[in-house]
Amino acid sequence: MELTYRQNGDYLVPNLTLEEQPRETPGKYARMRRRFLKEHRKGLYSALLLSGRLTAYLTEIDRQAREQVDATLARMAAAEGVNEQLKATDQMEWVRRMNSLKAEAEEAVLRELIYN
């Protein structure tokens, strides 16, 4: 790896550029993981950022987290008997139970993928 320099006043500054990063809007879980890495895993965060892999890493974490929440929520809803029949007969009870199940599923994902 050979470096080239440019003159900036009295100083020689290396010509360093980063590869172009994809412009994706990070999802909820990607933002949470990035904040966790920045605050608690500074070495890993810096390594990913400097290698240009941070965006791809966060995108993959976000995708995995969403898929895991959806799958866990579907399994929990089936186990608890929260189905379309309940939705048709008592919508408020269905919403209450689905919100509770989603919070549980998200908590499990946060423990496993985001804050680990």
C-alpha atoms as a PDB file:
ATOM      1  CA  MET A   1       0.000   0.000   0.000  1.00  0.00           C
ATOM      2  CA  GLU A   2       1.653   3.181  -1.182  1.00  0.00           C
ATOM      3  CA  LEU A   3       0.447   6.526   0.112  1.00  0.00           C
ATOM      4  CA  THR A   4       0.406   9.751  -1.815  1.00  0.00           C
ATOM      5  CA  TYR A   5       0.368  13.166  -0.199  1.00  0.00           C
ATOM      6  CA  ARG A   6      -0.849  16.644  -1.018  1.00  0.00           C
ATOM      7  CA  GLN A   7       0.484  19.957   0.231  1.00  0.00           C
ATOM      8  CA  ASN A   8      -1.824  21.797   2.641  1.00  0.00           C
ATOM      9  CA  GLY A   9      -0.063  24.927   3.773  1.00  0.00           C
ATOM     10  CA  ASP A  10       3.162  23.795   5.440  1.00  0.00           C
ATOM     11  CA  TYR A  11       1.966  20.249   5.916  1.00  0.00           C
ATOM     12  CA  LEU A  12       1.830  17.113   3.793  1.00  0.00           C
ATOM     13  CA  VAL A  13      -1.560  15.452   4.200  1.00  0.00           C
ATOM     14  CA  PRO A  14      -2.119  11.847   3.071  1.00  0.00           C
ATOM     15  CA  ASN A  15      -4.670  11.291   0.299  1.00  0.00           C
ATOM     16  CA  LEU A  16      -7.023   8.920   2.085  1.00  0.00           C
ATOM     17  CA  THR A  17     -10.527   8.112   0.913  1.00  0.00           C
ATOM     18  CA  LEU A  18     -13.166   5.718   2.119  1.00  0.00           C
ATOM     19  CA  GLU A  19     -15.115   3.484  -0.191  1.00  0.00           C
ATOM     20  CA  GLU A  20     -18.567   4.776  -1.037  1.00  0.00           C
ATOM     21  CA  GLN A  21     -21.058   3.520   1.539  1.00  0.00           C
ATOM     22  CA  PRO A  22     -24.624   2.581   0.583  1.00  0.00           C
ATOM     23  CA  ARG A  23     -27.153   5.242   1.573  1.00  0.00           C
ATOM     24  CA  GLU A  24     -29.718   3.141   3.397  1.00  0.00           C
ATOM     25  CA  THR A  25     -31.876   4.491   6.159  1.00  0.00           C
ATOM     26  CA  PRO A  26     -30.989   2.395   9.193  1.00  0.00           C
ATOM     27  CA  GLY A  27     -33.884   0.600  10.824  1.00  0.00           C
ATOM     28  CA  LYS A  28     -34.840   0.630  14.479  1.00  0.00           C
ATOM     29  CA  TYR A  29     -32.650  -2.319  15.439  1.00  0.00           C
ATOM     30  CA  ALA A  30     -29.672  -1.051  13.411  1.00  0.00           C
ATOM     31  CA  ARG A  31     -29.797   2.283  15.234  1.00  0.00           C
ATOM     32  CA  MET A  32     -30.001   0.521  18.595  1.00  0.00           C
ATOM     33  CA  ARG A  33     -27.052  -1.750  17.757  1.00  0.00           C
ATOM     34  CA  ARG A  34     -24.958   1.180  16.509  1.00  0.00           C
ATOM     35  CA  ARG A  35     -25.595   3.120  19.724  1.00  0.00           C
ATOM     36  CA  PHE A  36     -24.715   0.059  21.820  1.00  0.00           C
ATOM     37  CA  LEU A  37     -21.490  -0.514  19.891  1.00  0.00           C
ATOM     38  CA  LYS A  38     -20.525   3.154  20.123  1.00  0.00           C
ATOM     39  CA  GLU A  39     -21.042   3.256  23.889  1.00  0.00           C
ATOM     40  CA  HIS A  40     -20.006  -0.235  25.026  1.00  0.00           C
ATOM     41  CA  ARG A  41     -17.959  -1.932  22.276  1.00  0.00           C
ATOM     42  CA  LYS A  42     -15.823   0.938  21.011  1.00  0.00           C
ATOM     43  CA  GLY A  43     -13.134  -1.309  19.526  1.00  0.00           C
ATOM     44  CA  LEU A  44     -15.576  -3.294  17.401  1.00  0.00           C
ATOM     45  CA  TYR A  45     -17.379  -0.114  16.352  1.00  0.00           C
ATOM     46  CA  SER A  46     -14.118   1.540  15.276  1.00  0.00           C
ATOM     47  CA  ALA A  47     -12.920  -1.563  13.420  1.00  0.00           C
ATOM     48  CA  LEU A  48     -16.198  -1.860  11.486  1.00  0.00           C
ATOM     49  CA  LEU A  49     -16.285   1.855  10.731  1.00  0.00           C
ATOM     50  CA  LEU A  50     -12.672   2.057   9.548  1.00  0.00           C
ATOM     51  CA  SER A  51     -12.958  -1.082   7.423  1.00  0.00           C
ATOM     52  CA  GLY A  52     -16.092   0.264   5.717  1.00  0.00           C
ATOM     53  CA  ARG A  53     -18.236  -2.664   6.856  1.00  0.00           C
ATOM     54  CA  LEU A  54     -20.358  -0.867   9.487  1.00  0.00           C
ATOM     55  CA  THR A  55     -23.330  -0.127   7.223  1.00  0.00           C
ATOM     56  CA  ALA A  56     -23.500  -3.674   5.855  1.00  0.00           C
ATOM     57  CA  TYR A  57     -23.139  -5.104   9.371  1.00  0.00           C
ATOM     58  CA  LEU A  58     -25.936  -2.921  10.767  1.00  0.00           C
ATOM     59  CA  THR A  59     -28.205  -3.681   7.803  1.00  0.00           C
ATOM     60  CA  GLU A  60     -27.728  -7.411   8.391  1.00  0.00           C
ATOM     61  CA  ILE A  61     -28.387  -7.067  12.151  1.00  0.00           C
ATOM     62  CA  ASP A  62     -31.579  -5.110  11.410  1.00  0.00           C
ATOM     63  CA  ARG A  63     -32.782  -7.744   8.929  1.00  0.00           C
ATOM     64  CA  GLN A  64     -32.052 -10.607  11.322  1.00  0.00           C
ATOM     65  CA  ALA A  65     -33.757  -8.829  14.224  1.00  0.00           C
ATOM     66  CA  ARG A  66     -36.923  -8.092  12.220  1.00  0.00           C
ATOM     67  CA  GLU A  67     -37.138 -11.670  10.963  1.00  0.00           C
ATOM     68  CA  GLN A  68     -36.573 -13.064  14.438  1.00  0.00           C
ATOM     69  CA  VAL A  69     -39.227 -10.801  15.994  1.00  0.00           C
ATOM     70  CA  ASP A  70     -41.755 -11.791  13.308  1.00  0.00           C
ATOM     71  CA  ALA A  71     -41.052 -15.522  13.693  1.00  0.00           C
ATOM     72  CA  THR A  72     -41.107 -15.394  17.490  1.00  0.00           C
ATOM     73  CA  LEU A  73     -44.305 -13.356  17.497  1.00  0.00           C
ATOM     74  CA  ALA A  74     -46.034 -15.843  15.181  1.00  0.00           C
ATOM     75  CA  ARG A  75     -44.994 -18.803  17.365  1.00  0.00           C
ATOM     76  CA  MET A  76     -46.040 -17.072  20.577  1.00  0.00           C
ATOM     77  CA  ALA A  77     -49.389 -15.971  19.142  1.00  0.00           C
ATOM     78  CA  ALA A  78     -50.158 -19.522  18.015  1.00  0.00           C
ATOM     79  CA  ALA A  79     -49.179 -20.912  21.424  1.00  0.00           C
ATOM     80  CA  GLU A  80     -51.322 -18.349  23.254  1.00  0.00           C
ATOM     81  CA  GLY A  81     -54.338 -18.806  21.006  1.00  0.00           C
ATOM     82  CA  VAL A  82     -54.254 -15.270  19.645  1.00  0.00           C
ATOM     83  CA  ASN A  83     -55.803 -15.794  16.220  1.00  0.00           C
ATOM     84  CA  GLU A  84     -58.185 -14.303  13.687  1.00  0.00           C
ATOM     85  CA  GLN A  85     -61.205 -15.671  15.543  1.00  0.00           C
ATOM     86  CA  LEU A  86     -60.243 -13.701  18.654  1.00  0.00           C
ATOM     87  CA  LYS A  87     -59.648 -10.661  16.443  1.00  0.00           C
ATOM     88  CA  ALA A  88     -63.149 -10.980  14.997  1.00  0.00           C
ATOM     89  CA  THR A  89     -64.877 -11.455  18.340  1.00  0.00           C
ATOM     90  CA  ASP A  90     -62.902  -9.114  20.651  1.00  0.00           C
ATOM     91  CA  GLN A  91     -60.609  -6.702  18.837  1.00  0.00           C
ATOM     92  CA  MET A  92     -59.391  -4.861  21.931  1.00  0.00           C
ATOM     93  CA  GLU A  93     -58.390  -8.092  23.661  1.00  0.00           C
ATOM     94  CA  TRP A  94     -56.585  -9.196  20.489  1.00  0.00           C
ATOM     95  CA  VAL A  95     -54.687  -5.877  20.310  1.00  0.00           C
ATOM     96  CA  ARG A  96     -53.764  -6.023  24.006  1.00  0.00           C
ATOM     97  CA  ARG A  97     -52.454  -9.561  23.746  1.00  0.00           C
ATOM     98  CA  MET A  98     -50.592  -8.953  20.462  1.00  0.00           C
ATOM     99  CA  ASN A  99     -48.908  -5.853  21.899  1.00  0.00           C
ATOM    100  CA  SER A 100     -47.857  -7.835  24.944  1.00  0.00           C
ATOM    101  CA  LEU A 101     -46.509 -10.679  22.814  1.00  0.00           C
ATOM    102  CA  LYS A 102     -44.640  -8.276  20.533  1.00  0.00           C
ATOM    103  CA  ALA A 103     -42.985  -6.623  23.535  1.00  0.00           C
ATOM    104  CA  GLU A 104     -41.862 -10.055  24.780  1.00  0.00           C
ATOM    105  CA  ALA A 105     -40.543 -11.053  21.356  1.00  0.00           C
ATOM    106  CA  GLU A 106     -38.650  -7.769  20.979  1.00  0.00           C
ATOM    107  CA  GLU A 107     -37.146  -8.112  24.452  1.00  0.00           C
ATOM    108  CA  ALA A 108     -35.750 -11.529  23.537  1.00  0.00           C
ATOM    109  CA  VAL A 109     -34.280 -10.185  20.298  1.00  0.00           C
ATOM    110  CA  LEU A 110     -32.758  -7.202  22.057  1.00  0.00           C
ATOM    111  CA  ARG A 111     -31.043  -9.507  24.550  1.00  0.00           C
ATOM    112  CA  GLU A 112     -29.739 -11.893  21.874  1.00  0.00           C
ATOM    113  CA  LEU A 113     -28.787  -9.646  18.943  1.00  0.00           C
ATOM    114  CA  ILE A 114     -28.605  -6.023  19.978  1.00  0.00           C
ATOM    115  CA  TYR A 115     -27.168  -5.892  23.503  1.00  0.00           C
ATOM    116  CA  ASN A 116     -24.798  -8.831  23.271  1.00  0.00           C
END
